[in-house]
Amino acid sequence: MVIKIEAGKRTLGKKSDRKDLRKDFKIPGIMYGDGVEGIPIQFDAPDFMKAYKKSINELAIFNIVVDGKEHRCILKDKQIHPVRRDIMHVDFLLLNPGHEVSLSLPIKFVGEAAGEKMGGMVDIIVRNLNISCFPKDIPEDVEVDISPLEIGDSLHIMDLKIPNVKIKDAEDITIVVVHDKSKEEEIEEDTEEVEVVEEEPAE
């Protein structure tokens, strides 16, 4: 997903200056990257929040327009107010075409597992992958088709192949498994029926 948003330049100052920005419904931020001096910026809060909500649960590329020039970035960090839960500051990483970037890639699970139709239960364990690649190769997400999975089947990191992308997570990590629901219920029932007998103290 590519999101285009306008931003203005700002001057670095005291902490109170950022408070004044927020009172004026502005969100302060900064863009930085390898060999690039940080560029202080600010957004209109309503415009930024509208764009940010689109990016939730997605890997979004932000095209930030400052003085007519576009800067291709990803949202690297944000500061949240501990009480109000609104965004106080945002950090953007500039994407340099010649440098690899590390980021978190959401997994989209598609289809209905064959095991579900047989009474099984799908247990999703990993929802994001840690990857590195060049900016031109950044995928929006990775789709995992779980429809062939029967009861007892599972998929691991090693089963995922993404062109021109390095997956940094360990290969043996399980990302999804189909459990036998009836056996799990039997185990729960057996656990409930276990009777604890307290030993009487020796005389």
N, C-alpha and C. Protein backbone atom coordinates (compact mmCIF):
# COMPACT_ATOMS: atom_id res chain seq x y z
N MET A 1 0.84 -1.19 0.00
CA MET A 1 0.00 0.00 0.00
C MET A 1 0.88 1.25 0.00
N VAL A 2 0.59 2.18 -0.91
CA VAL A 2 1.32 3.44 -0.97
C VAL A 2 0.38 4.56 -0.55
N ILE A 3 0.82 5.35 0.42
CA ILE A 3 0.01 6.44 0.96
C ILE A 3 0.74 7.75 0.74
N LYS A 4 0.08 8.69 0.08
CA LYS A 4 0.68 10.00 -0.17
C LYS A 4 0.10 11.01 0.82
N ILE A 5 0.99 11.79 1.43
CA ILE A 5 0.55 12.75 2.44
C ILE A 5 1.44 13.98 2.42
N GLU A 6 0.84 15.14 2.63
CA GLU A 6 1.57 16.40 2.66
C GLU A 6 2.12 16.65 4.07
N ALA A 7 3.31 17.23 4.12
CA ALA A 7 3.92 17.62 5.39
C ALA A 7 4.61 18.97 5.21
N GLY A 8 4.81 19.66 6.31
CA GLY A 8 5.53 20.92 6.28
C GLY A 8 6.83 20.80 7.04
N LYS A 9 7.79 21.65 6.72
CA LYS A 9 9.03 21.67 7.47
C LYS A 9 8.81 22.36 8.81
N ARG A 10 9.64 21.99 9.77
CA ARG A 10 9.59 22.68 11.06
C ARG A 10 11.02 22.85 11.56
N THR A 11 11.21 23.77 12.47
CA THR A 11 12.53 24.00 13.05
C THR A 11 12.62 23.29 14.39
N LEU A 12 13.79 22.71 14.64
CA LEU A 12 14.00 22.04 15.92
C LEU A 12 14.13 23.09 17.01
N GLY A 13 13.42 22.87 18.09
CA GLY A 13 13.47 23.84 19.18
C GLY A 13 13.32 23.14 20.52
N LYS A 14 12.73 23.85 21.46
CA LYS A 14 12.53 23.29 22.79
C LYS A 14 11.35 22.32 22.80
N LYS A 15 11.29 21.52 23.86
CA LYS A 15 10.20 20.55 24.01
C LYS A 15 8.85 21.27 24.02
N SER A 16 8.82 22.47 24.58
CA SER A 16 7.56 23.23 24.65
C SER A 16 7.06 23.60 23.26
N ASP A 17 7.99 23.74 22.29
CA ASP A 17 7.57 24.07 20.93
C ASP A 17 6.72 22.94 20.34
N ARG A 18 7.10 21.70 20.65
CA ARG A 18 6.32 20.56 20.14
C ARG A 18 4.94 20.52 20.79
N LYS A 19 4.87 20.92 22.05
CA LYS A 19 3.57 20.99 22.73
C LYS A 19 2.67 22.01 22.04
N ASP A 20 3.28 23.15 21.66
CA ASP A 20 2.51 24.19 20.97
C ASP A 20 2.00 23.68 19.63
N LEU A 21 2.82 22.88 18.94
CA LEU A 21 2.40 22.30 17.66
C LEU A 21 1.16 21.43 17.87
N ARG A 22 1.21 20.61 18.90
CA ARG A 22 0.10 19.69 19.14
C ARG A 22 -1.17 20.43 19.52
N LYS A 23 -1.01 21.58 20.22
CA LYS A 23 -2.17 22.41 20.54
C LYS A 23 -2.81 22.96 19.27
N ASP A 24 -1.99 23.15 18.24
CA ASP A 24 -2.49 23.65 16.95
C ASP A 24 -2.90 22.51 16.01
N PHE A 25 -3.11 21.33 16.60
CA PHE A 25 -3.54 20.14 15.85
C PHE A 25 -2.51 19.76 14.78
N LYS A 26 -1.22 19.83 15.18
CA LYS A 26 -0.12 19.37 14.33
C LYS A 26 0.57 18.20 15.02
N ILE A 27 1.11 17.29 14.23
CA ILE A 27 1.89 16.17 14.77
C ILE A 27 3.33 16.34 14.30
N PRO A 28 4.28 16.55 15.23
CA PRO A 28 5.67 16.68 14.82
C PRO A 28 6.26 15.31 14.45
N GLY A 29 7.25 15.35 13.56
CA GLY A 29 7.91 14.11 13.15
C GLY A 29 9.29 14.40 12.59
N ILE A 30 9.95 13.34 12.15
CA ILE A 30 11.28 13.48 11.55
C ILE A 30 11.47 12.39 10.52
N MET A 31 12.17 12.71 9.44
CA MET A 31 12.58 11.72 8.44
C MET A 31 14.09 11.58 8.52
N TYR A 32 14.57 10.33 8.52
CA TYR A 32 16.01 10.11 8.59
C TYR A 32 16.37 8.88 7.77
N GLY A 33 17.68 8.72 7.49
CA GLY A 33 18.13 7.58 6.72
C GLY A 33 19.65 7.52 6.70
N ASP A 34 20.21 6.48 6.07
CA ASP A 34 21.66 6.34 6.00
C ASP A 34 22.29 7.52 5.26
N GLY A 35 23.20 8.21 5.94
CA GLY A 35 23.90 9.33 5.32
C GLY A 35 23.04 10.55 5.09
N VAL A 36 21.84 10.59 5.67
CA VAL A 36 20.94 11.72 5.48
C VAL A 36 20.68 12.38 6.84
N GLU A 37 20.91 13.68 6.90
CA GLU A 37 20.62 14.40 8.13
C GLU A 37 19.11 14.41 8.37
N GLY A 38 18.72 14.25 9.62
CA GLY A 38 17.29 14.21 9.94
C GLY A 38 16.56 15.45 9.45
N ILE A 39 15.38 15.24 8.87
CA ILE A 39 14.57 16.34 8.36
C ILE A 39 13.35 16.50 9.26
N PRO A 40 13.29 17.57 10.09
CA PRO A 40 12.12 17.77 10.96
C PRO A 40 10.91 18.17 10.13
N ILE A 41 9.78 17.53 10.40
CA ILE A 41 8.56 17.80 9.64
C ILE A 41 7.37 17.87 10.59
N GLN A 42 6.23 18.28 10.05
CA GLN A 42 5.00 18.31 10.83
C GLN A 42 3.83 18.01 9.90
N PHE A 43 2.79 17.37 10.48
CA PHE A 43 1.59 17.01 9.73
C PHE A 43 0.37 17.66 10.36
N ASP A 44 -0.63 17.94 9.55
CA ASP A 44 -1.94 18.26 10.10
C ASP A 44 -2.49 16.98 10.73
N ALA A 45 -2.83 17.06 12.00
CA ALA A 45 -3.23 15.85 12.73
C ALA A 45 -4.38 15.09 12.08
N PRO A 46 -5.48 15.76 11.66
CA PRO A 46 -6.59 15.00 11.04
C PRO A 46 -6.15 14.27 9.77
N ASP A 47 -5.32 14.94 8.93
CA ASP A 47 -4.86 14.31 7.68
C ASP A 47 -3.97 13.11 7.98
N PHE A 48 -3.08 13.28 8.97
CA PHE A 48 -2.17 12.18 9.28
C PHE A 48 -2.93 10.98 9.84
N MET A 49 -3.88 11.23 10.75
CA MET A 49 -4.61 10.12 11.37
C MET A 49 -5.43 9.37 10.33
N LYS A 50 -5.98 10.09 9.36
CA LYS A 50 -6.74 9.44 8.29
C LYS A 50 -5.82 8.51 7.49
N ALA A 51 -4.59 8.98 7.19
CA ALA A 51 -3.63 8.16 6.45
C ALA A 51 -3.12 7.01 7.30
N TYR A 52 -2.86 7.29 8.58
CA TYR A 52 -2.32 6.26 9.48
C TYR A 52 -3.31 5.10 9.65
N LYS A 53 -4.58 5.41 9.78
CA LYS A 53 -5.58 4.35 9.98
C LYS A 53 -5.64 3.40 8.78
N LYS A 54 -5.35 3.91 7.58
CA LYS A 54 -5.30 3.05 6.40
C LYS A 54 -4.15 2.06 6.48
N SER A 55 -3.09 2.44 7.18
CA SER A 55 -1.88 1.62 7.22
C SER A 55 -1.89 0.56 8.31
N ILE A 56 -2.88 0.59 9.21
CA ILE A 56 -2.93 -0.37 10.31
C ILE A 56 -3.08 -1.79 9.74
N ASN A 57 -2.24 -2.69 10.24
CA ASN A 57 -2.20 -4.09 9.79
C ASN A 57 -1.76 -4.24 8.33
N GLU A 58 -1.15 -3.21 7.79
CA GLU A 58 -0.61 -3.26 6.43
C GLU A 58 0.85 -2.80 6.46
N LEU A 59 1.61 -3.22 5.45
CA LEU A 59 2.94 -2.67 5.28
C LEU A 59 2.81 -1.51 4.30
N ALA A 60 2.86 -0.30 4.83
CA ALA A 60 2.58 0.89 4.01
C ALA A 60 3.86 1.64 3.68
N ILE A 61 3.94 2.09 2.42
CA ILE A 61 4.99 3.02 1.99
C ILE A 61 4.36 4.41 1.98
N PHE A 62 4.98 5.34 2.70
CA PHE A 62 4.48 6.71 2.74
C PHE A 62 5.28 7.57 1.78
N ASN A 63 4.60 8.19 0.84
CA ASN A 63 5.20 9.22 -0.01
C ASN A 63 4.90 10.57 0.63
N ILE A 64 5.88 11.09 1.38
CA ILE A 64 5.68 12.33 2.11
C ILE A 64 6.14 13.50 1.24
N VAL A 65 5.22 14.42 0.98
CA VAL A 65 5.49 15.56 0.10
C VAL A 65 5.83 16.78 0.96
N VAL A 66 7.08 17.26 0.79
CA VAL A 66 7.53 18.46 1.51
C VAL A 66 8.04 19.46 0.48
N ASP A 67 7.42 20.63 0.43
CA ASP A 67 7.78 21.68 -0.54
C ASP A 67 7.79 21.15 -1.97
N GLY A 68 6.81 20.31 -2.29
CA GLY A 68 6.68 19.81 -3.65
C GLY A 68 7.55 18.61 -3.97
N LYS A 69 8.42 18.20 -3.06
CA LYS A 69 9.30 17.05 -3.30
C LYS A 69 8.81 15.84 -2.52
N GLU A 70 8.75 14.68 -3.19
CA GLU A 70 8.29 13.45 -2.54
C GLU A 70 9.46 12.69 -1.91
N HIS A 71 9.20 12.18 -0.71
CA HIS A 71 10.19 11.37 0.01
C HIS A 71 9.54 10.03 0.32
N ARG A 72 10.15 8.95 -0.17
CA ARG A 72 9.59 7.60 0.03
C ARG A 72 10.08 7.06 1.37
N CYS A 73 9.15 6.73 2.24
CA CYS A 73 9.51 6.34 3.61
C CYS A 73 8.64 5.19 4.11
N ILE A 74 9.07 4.63 5.23
CA ILE A 74 8.21 3.75 6.02
C ILE A 74 8.16 4.29 7.44
N LEU A 75 7.03 4.10 8.11
CA LEU A 75 6.88 4.54 9.49
C LEU A 75 7.70 3.60 10.38
N LYS A 76 8.69 4.15 11.05
CA LYS A 76 9.60 3.33 11.86
C LYS A 76 9.22 3.31 13.33
N ASP A 77 8.70 4.44 13.82
CA ASP A 77 8.37 4.50 15.26
C ASP A 77 7.37 5.62 15.50
N LYS A 78 6.65 5.52 16.60
CA LYS A 78 5.71 6.57 16.99
C LYS A 78 5.63 6.64 18.50
N GLN A 79 5.41 7.84 19.02
CA GLN A 79 5.25 8.04 20.45
C GLN A 79 3.77 8.26 20.74
N ILE A 80 3.26 7.49 21.69
CA ILE A 80 1.83 7.55 22.05
C ILE A 80 1.69 8.15 23.45
N HIS A 81 0.73 9.06 23.60
CA HIS A 81 0.46 9.63 24.93
C HIS A 81 -0.07 8.53 25.84
N PRO A 82 0.49 8.39 27.05
CA PRO A 82 0.12 7.26 27.93
C PRO A 82 -1.33 7.27 28.40
N VAL A 83 -1.98 8.44 28.41
CA VAL A 83 -3.36 8.54 28.89
C VAL A 83 -4.33 8.73 27.73
N ARG A 84 -4.09 9.75 26.91
CA ARG A 84 -5.02 10.08 25.83
C ARG A 84 -4.90 9.10 24.66
N ARG A 85 -3.74 8.45 24.54
CA ARG A 85 -3.47 7.46 23.49
C ARG A 85 -3.41 8.08 22.09
N ASP A 86 -3.23 9.40 22.02
CA ASP A 86 -3.06 10.01 20.71
C ASP A 86 -1.57 10.02 20.34
N ILE A 87 -1.27 10.20 19.05
CA ILE A 87 0.11 10.16 18.57
C ILE A 87 0.77 11.52 18.83
N MET A 88 1.94 11.47 19.48
CA MET A 88 2.65 12.69 19.86
C MET A 88 3.81 13.01 18.93
N HIS A 89 4.41 11.98 18.33
CA HIS A 89 5.58 12.19 17.46
C HIS A 89 5.75 10.95 16.59
N VAL A 90 6.23 11.16 15.35
CA VAL A 90 6.42 10.03 14.43
C VAL A 90 7.82 10.09 13.80
N ASP A 91 8.42 8.91 13.63
CA ASP A 91 9.72 8.78 12.97
C ASP A 91 9.55 8.02 11.67
N PHE A 92 10.08 8.56 10.58
CA PHE A 92 10.02 7.90 9.28
C PHE A 92 11.42 7.58 8.79
N LEU A 93 11.59 6.38 8.26
CA LEU A 93 12.86 5.96 7.69
C LEU A 93 12.82 6.17 6.18
N LEU A 94 13.75 6.98 5.67
CA LEU A 94 13.84 7.22 4.24
C LEU A 94 14.37 5.97 3.53
N LEU A 95 13.73 5.61 2.43
CA LEU A 95 14.14 4.42 1.69
C LEU A 95 15.16 4.81 0.63
N ASN A 96 16.38 4.31 0.82
CA ASN A 96 17.46 4.55 -0.13
C ASN A 96 17.50 3.37 -1.10
N PRO A 97 17.33 3.62 -2.41
CA PRO A 97 17.27 2.51 -3.39
C PRO A 97 18.45 1.55 -3.33
N GLY A 98 19.62 2.04 -2.90
CA GLY A 98 20.81 1.19 -2.90
C GLY A 98 21.10 0.50 -1.58
N HIS A 99 20.23 0.67 -0.59
CA HIS A 99 20.46 0.07 0.73
C HIS A 99 19.30 -0.83 1.13
N GLU A 100 19.65 -1.98 1.72
CA GLU A 100 18.61 -2.87 2.22
C GLU A 100 17.95 -2.26 3.45
N VAL A 101 16.69 -2.61 3.64
CA VAL A 101 15.95 -2.13 4.79
C VAL A 101 15.35 -3.32 5.52
N SER A 102 15.31 -3.25 6.85
CA SER A 102 14.71 -4.31 7.66
C SER A 102 13.35 -3.83 8.17
N LEU A 103 12.36 -4.71 8.07
CA LEU A 103 11.01 -4.32 8.50
C LEU A 103 10.17 -5.55 8.82
N SER A 104 8.98 -5.28 9.33
CA SER A 104 8.04 -6.34 9.69
C SER A 104 6.96 -6.44 8.62
N LEU A 105 6.77 -7.66 8.10
CA LEU A 105 5.84 -7.90 7.00
C LEU A 105 4.63 -8.69 7.50
N PRO A 106 3.40 -8.15 7.35
CA PRO A 106 2.22 -8.88 7.80
C PRO A 106 1.92 -10.09 6.92
N ILE A 107 1.45 -11.16 7.54
CA ILE A 107 1.05 -12.37 6.82
C ILE A 107 -0.47 -12.36 6.67
N LYS A 108 -0.95 -12.63 5.47
CA LYS A 108 -2.39 -12.76 5.24
C LYS A 108 -2.71 -14.23 4.99
N PHE A 109 -3.52 -14.80 5.87
CA PHE A 109 -3.92 -16.20 5.74
C PHE A 109 -5.21 -16.26 4.93
N VAL A 110 -5.19 -17.04 3.85
CA VAL A 110 -6.36 -17.13 2.97
C VAL A 110 -6.83 -18.58 2.87
N GLY A 111 -8.12 -18.73 2.57
CA GLY A 111 -8.70 -20.06 2.42
C GLY A 111 -9.18 -20.64 3.74
N GLU A 112 -9.92 -21.73 3.64
CA GLU A 112 -10.39 -22.47 4.82
C GLU A 112 -9.68 -23.81 4.86
N ALA A 113 -9.01 -24.09 5.96
CA ALA A 113 -8.24 -25.33 6.08
C ALA A 113 -9.15 -26.55 5.94
N ALA A 114 -8.68 -27.56 5.21
CA ALA A 114 -9.44 -28.80 5.04
C ALA A 114 -9.74 -29.42 6.40
N GLY A 115 -8.83 -29.25 7.35
CA GLY A 115 -9.01 -29.82 8.68
C GLY A 115 -10.15 -29.21 9.45
N GLU A 116 -10.50 -27.95 9.13
CA GLU A 116 -11.63 -27.30 9.81
C GLU A 116 -12.94 -28.01 9.48
N LYS A 117 -13.06 -28.46 8.23
CA LYS A 117 -14.28 -29.15 7.81
C LYS A 117 -14.40 -30.52 8.48
N MET A 118 -13.29 -31.01 9.02
CA MET A 118 -13.28 -32.29 9.71
C MET A 118 -13.33 -32.12 11.22
N GLY A 119 -13.64 -30.89 11.67
CA GLY A 119 -13.75 -30.64 13.10
C GLY A 119 -12.49 -30.11 13.74
N GLY A 120 -11.49 -29.78 12.93
CA GLY A 120 -10.24 -29.26 13.46
C GLY A 120 -10.31 -27.77 13.75
N MET A 121 -9.24 -27.25 14.35
CA MET A 121 -9.19 -25.84 14.72
C MET A 121 -7.86 -25.25 14.25
N VAL A 122 -7.93 -24.13 13.51
CA VAL A 122 -6.72 -23.47 13.01
C VAL A 122 -6.14 -22.58 14.10
N ASP A 123 -4.86 -22.76 14.39
CA ASP A 123 -4.17 -21.96 15.40
C ASP A 123 -3.07 -21.16 14.70
N ILE A 124 -3.30 -19.85 14.55
CA ILE A 124 -2.30 -18.98 13.92
C ILE A 124 -1.33 -18.51 15.00
N ILE A 125 -0.07 -18.82 14.81
CA ILE A 125 0.95 -18.54 15.83
C ILE A 125 1.77 -17.30 15.48
N VAL A 126 2.09 -17.11 14.21
CA VAL A 126 2.90 -15.97 13.77
C VAL A 126 2.11 -15.16 12.76
N ARG A 127 1.99 -13.85 12.99
CA ARG A 127 1.23 -12.99 12.08
C ARG A 127 2.11 -11.99 11.32
N ASN A 128 3.39 -11.90 11.69
CA ASN A 128 4.30 -10.98 11.03
C ASN A 128 5.66 -11.64 10.84
N LEU A 129 6.32 -11.32 9.73
CA LEU A 129 7.67 -11.81 9.46
C LEU A 129 8.66 -10.67 9.55
N ASN A 130 9.84 -10.97 10.08
CA ASN A 130 10.93 -9.99 10.07
C ASN A 130 11.76 -10.25 8.82
N ILE A 131 11.84 -9.24 7.94
CA ILE A 131 12.49 -9.43 6.66
C ILE A 131 13.50 -8.31 6.39
N SER A 132 14.34 -8.52 5.37
CA SER A 132 15.20 -7.46 4.85
C SER A 132 15.25 -7.59 3.34
N CYS A 133 15.27 -6.45 2.65
CA CYS A 133 15.31 -6.44 1.20
C CYS A 133 15.60 -5.02 0.72
N PHE A 134 15.80 -4.87 -0.59
CA PHE A 134 15.95 -3.53 -1.16
C PHE A 134 14.56 -2.90 -1.30
N PRO A 135 14.48 -1.58 -1.23
CA PRO A 135 13.16 -0.91 -1.30
C PRO A 135 12.31 -1.32 -2.49
N LYS A 136 12.92 -1.54 -3.64
CA LYS A 136 12.14 -1.90 -4.84
C LYS A 136 11.48 -3.27 -4.71
N ASP A 137 11.98 -4.10 -3.79
CA ASP A 137 11.46 -5.47 -3.64
C ASP A 137 10.51 -5.61 -2.45
N ILE A 138 10.17 -4.51 -1.78
CA ILE A 138 9.29 -4.61 -0.61
C ILE A 138 7.90 -5.06 -1.03
N PRO A 139 7.45 -6.21 -0.51
CA PRO A 139 6.06 -6.64 -0.82
C PRO A 139 5.09 -6.01 0.17
N GLU A 140 3.85 -5.84 -0.27
CA GLU A 140 2.85 -5.28 0.64
C GLU A 140 2.51 -6.27 1.75
N ASP A 141 2.49 -7.54 1.42
CA ASP A 141 2.22 -8.59 2.41
C ASP A 141 2.60 -9.92 1.78
N VAL A 142 2.45 -10.99 2.53
CA VAL A 142 2.65 -12.33 1.98
C VAL A 142 1.39 -13.14 2.26
N GLU A 143 0.85 -13.75 1.21
CA GLU A 143 -0.35 -14.57 1.37
C GLU A 143 0.03 -16.03 1.61
N VAL A 144 -0.60 -16.61 2.60
CA VAL A 144 -0.38 -18.02 2.92
C VAL A 144 -1.71 -18.75 2.77
N ASP A 145 -1.77 -19.68 1.84
CA ASP A 145 -2.99 -20.45 1.59
C ASP A 145 -3.03 -21.65 2.54
N ILE A 146 -4.00 -21.63 3.46
CA ILE A 146 -4.07 -22.72 4.44
C ILE A 146 -5.09 -23.80 4.04
N SER A 147 -5.72 -23.65 2.88
CA SER A 147 -6.78 -24.58 2.49
C SER A 147 -6.33 -26.05 2.40
N PRO A 148 -5.06 -26.37 2.02
CA PRO A 148 -4.68 -27.78 1.95
C PRO A 148 -4.43 -28.43 3.32
N LEU A 149 -4.35 -27.64 4.39
CA LEU A 149 -3.96 -28.17 5.69
C LEU A 149 -5.05 -29.04 6.31
N GLU A 150 -4.67 -30.27 6.67
CA GLU A 150 -5.57 -31.19 7.36
C GLU A 150 -5.21 -31.22 8.84
N ILE A 151 -5.99 -31.95 9.62
CA ILE A 151 -5.73 -32.04 11.07
C ILE A 151 -4.32 -32.61 11.30
N GLY A 152 -3.55 -31.91 12.10
CA GLY A 152 -2.18 -32.32 12.38
C GLY A 152 -1.15 -31.65 11.49
N ASP A 153 -1.59 -31.01 10.40
CA ASP A 153 -0.66 -30.34 9.50
C ASP A 153 -0.25 -28.98 10.06
N SER A 154 0.92 -28.52 9.63
CA SER A 154 1.40 -27.21 10.05
C SER A 154 2.30 -26.62 8.97
N LEU A 155 2.52 -25.32 9.04
CA LEU A 155 3.44 -24.62 8.14
C LEU A 155 4.49 -23.92 8.98
N HIS A 156 5.72 -23.88 8.44
CA HIS A 156 6.83 -23.27 9.16
C HIS A 156 7.44 -22.15 8.31
N ILE A 157 8.31 -21.37 8.93
CA ILE A 157 8.99 -20.29 8.22
C ILE A 157 9.67 -20.82 6.96
N MET A 158 10.26 -22.00 7.04
CA MET A 158 10.99 -22.57 5.91
C MET A 158 10.07 -22.85 4.69
N ASP A 159 8.77 -22.90 4.93
CA ASP A 159 7.83 -23.17 3.83
C ASP A 159 7.49 -21.91 3.02
N LEU A 160 7.90 -20.75 3.51
CA LEU A 160 7.58 -19.49 2.84
C LEU A 160 8.70 -19.08 1.89
N LYS A 161 8.34 -18.71 0.69
CA LYS A 161 9.31 -18.23 -0.30
C LYS A 161 8.82 -16.89 -0.85
N ILE A 162 9.62 -15.85 -0.66
CA ILE A 162 9.27 -14.51 -1.14
C ILE A 162 10.41 -14.03 -2.03
N PRO A 163 10.16 -13.76 -3.30
CA PRO A 163 11.23 -13.37 -4.23
C PRO A 163 12.02 -12.15 -3.74
N ASN A 164 13.36 -12.28 -3.77
CA ASN A 164 14.28 -11.18 -3.46
C ASN A 164 14.16 -10.66 -2.04
N VAL A 165 13.62 -11.49 -1.15
CA VAL A 165 13.44 -11.09 0.24
C VAL A 165 14.10 -12.11 1.17
N LYS A 166 14.85 -11.62 2.16
CA LYS A 166 15.45 -12.50 3.17
C LYS A 166 14.56 -12.50 4.40
N ILE A 167 14.16 -13.71 4.82
CA ILE A 167 13.37 -13.84 6.05
C ILE A 167 14.34 -14.05 7.20
N LYS A 168 14.27 -13.19 8.20
CA LYS A 168 15.25 -13.20 9.28
C LYS A 168 14.86 -14.09 10.46
N ASP A 169 13.60 -14.57 10.46
CA ASP A 169 13.15 -15.46 11.53
C ASP A 169 13.71 -16.87 11.33
N ALA A 170 13.84 -17.62 12.43
CA ALA A 170 14.37 -18.98 12.36
C ALA A 170 13.46 -19.88 11.51
N GLU A 171 14.06 -20.73 10.69
CA GLU A 171 13.31 -21.55 9.74
C GLU A 171 12.35 -22.53 10.40
N ASP A 172 12.68 -22.99 11.62
CA ASP A 172 11.85 -24.02 12.25
C ASP A 172 10.66 -23.46 13.03
N ILE A 173 10.47 -22.15 13.01
CA ILE A 173 9.33 -21.56 13.72
C ILE A 173 8.03 -21.93 13.03
N THR A 174 7.05 -22.41 13.79
CA THR A 174 5.73 -22.75 13.25
C THR A 174 4.90 -21.49 13.13
N ILE A 175 4.26 -21.30 11.97
CA ILE A 175 3.43 -20.11 11.79
C ILE A 175 1.94 -20.42 11.92
N VAL A 176 1.53 -21.66 11.56
CA VAL A 176 0.13 -22.04 11.69
C VAL A 176 0.03 -23.56 11.80
N VAL A 177 -0.90 -24.03 12.61
CA VAL A 177 -1.10 -25.46 12.79
C VAL A 177 -2.59 -25.74 12.92
N VAL A 178 -3.02 -26.93 12.46
CA VAL A 178 -4.43 -27.33 12.59
C VAL A 178 -4.51 -28.41 13.67
N HIS A 179 -5.17 -28.09 14.76
CA HIS A 179 -5.31 -29.02 15.89
C HIS A 179 -6.56 -29.88 15.74
N ASP A 180 -6.54 -31.04 16.39
CA ASP A 180 -7.73 -31.88 16.50
C ASP A 180 -8.53 -31.36 17.69
N LYS A 181 -9.63 -30.68 17.39
CA LYS A 181 -10.41 -30.03 18.44
C LYS A 181 -10.99 -31.03 19.43
N SER A 182 -11.42 -32.19 18.94
CA SER A 182 -12.04 -33.18 19.83
C SER A 182 -11.04 -33.70 20.85
N LYS A 183 -9.78 -33.89 20.43
CA LYS A 183 -8.76 -34.38 21.37
C LYS A 183 -8.46 -33.32 22.42
N GLU A 184 -8.44 -32.05 22.00
CA GLU A 184 -8.18 -30.99 22.96
C GLU A 184 -9.29 -30.92 24.01
N GLU A 185 -10.55 -31.14 23.56
CA GLU A 185 -11.67 -31.11 24.50
C GLU A 185 -11.57 -32.28 25.48
N GLU A 186 -11.11 -33.45 24.96
CA GLU A 186 -10.95 -34.62 25.84
C GLU A 186 -9.90 -34.35 26.91
N ILE A 187 -8.80 -33.69 26.49
CA ILE A 187 -7.73 -33.39 27.45
C ILE A 187 -8.25 -32.43 28.52
N GLU A 188 -9.04 -31.43 28.09
CA GLU A 188 -9.59 -30.47 29.05
C GLU A 188 -10.53 -31.17 30.03
N GLU A 189 -11.36 -32.10 29.52
CA GLU A 189 -12.29 -32.81 30.39
C GLU A 189 -11.52 -33.68 31.38
N ASP A 190 -10.47 -34.36 30.90
CA ASP A 190 -9.66 -35.20 31.78
C ASP A 190 -9.01 -34.36 32.88
N THR A 191 -8.58 -33.16 32.51
CA THR A 191 -7.93 -32.27 33.48
C THR A 191 -8.92 -31.84 34.54
N GLU A 192 -10.17 -31.57 34.13
CA GLU A 192 -11.19 -31.14 35.08
C GLU A 192 -11.57 -32.24 36.04
N GLU A 193 -11.46 -33.52 35.57
CA GLU A 193 -11.89 -34.63 36.40
C GLU A 193 -10.82 -35.11 37.38
N VAL A 194 -9.59 -34.58 37.23
CA VAL A 194 -8.52 -34.98 38.15
C VAL A 194 -8.87 -34.52 39.56
N GLU A 195 -8.85 -35.44 40.51
CA GLU A 195 -9.21 -35.13 41.89
C GLU A 195 -7.94 -35.03 42.72
N VAL A 196 -7.79 -33.92 43.39
CA VAL A 196 -6.62 -33.72 44.24
C VAL A 196 -6.92 -34.25 45.62
N VAL A 197 -6.11 -35.21 46.09
CA VAL A 197 -6.30 -35.80 47.41
C VAL A 197 -5.21 -35.30 48.33
N GLU A 198 -5.61 -34.66 49.40
CA GLU A 198 -4.63 -34.16 50.35
C GLU A 198 -4.28 -35.26 51.35
N GLU A 199 -2.98 -35.42 51.55
CA GLU A 199 -2.51 -36.44 52.50
C GLU A 199 -2.70 -35.93 53.91
N GLU A 200 -3.13 -36.84 54.78
CA GLU A 200 -3.28 -36.48 56.18
C GLU A 200 -1.91 -36.47 56.84
N PRO A 201 -1.66 -35.52 57.69
CA PRO A 201 -0.34 -35.46 58.36
C PRO A 201 -0.12 -36.71 59.21
N ALA A 202 1.13 -37.19 59.19
CA ALA A 202 1.49 -38.38 59.97
C ALA A 202 1.39 -38.08 61.45
N GLU A 203 0.91 -39.08 62.21
CA GLU A 203 0.77 -38.88 63.66
C GLU A 203 2.13 -39.07 64.32
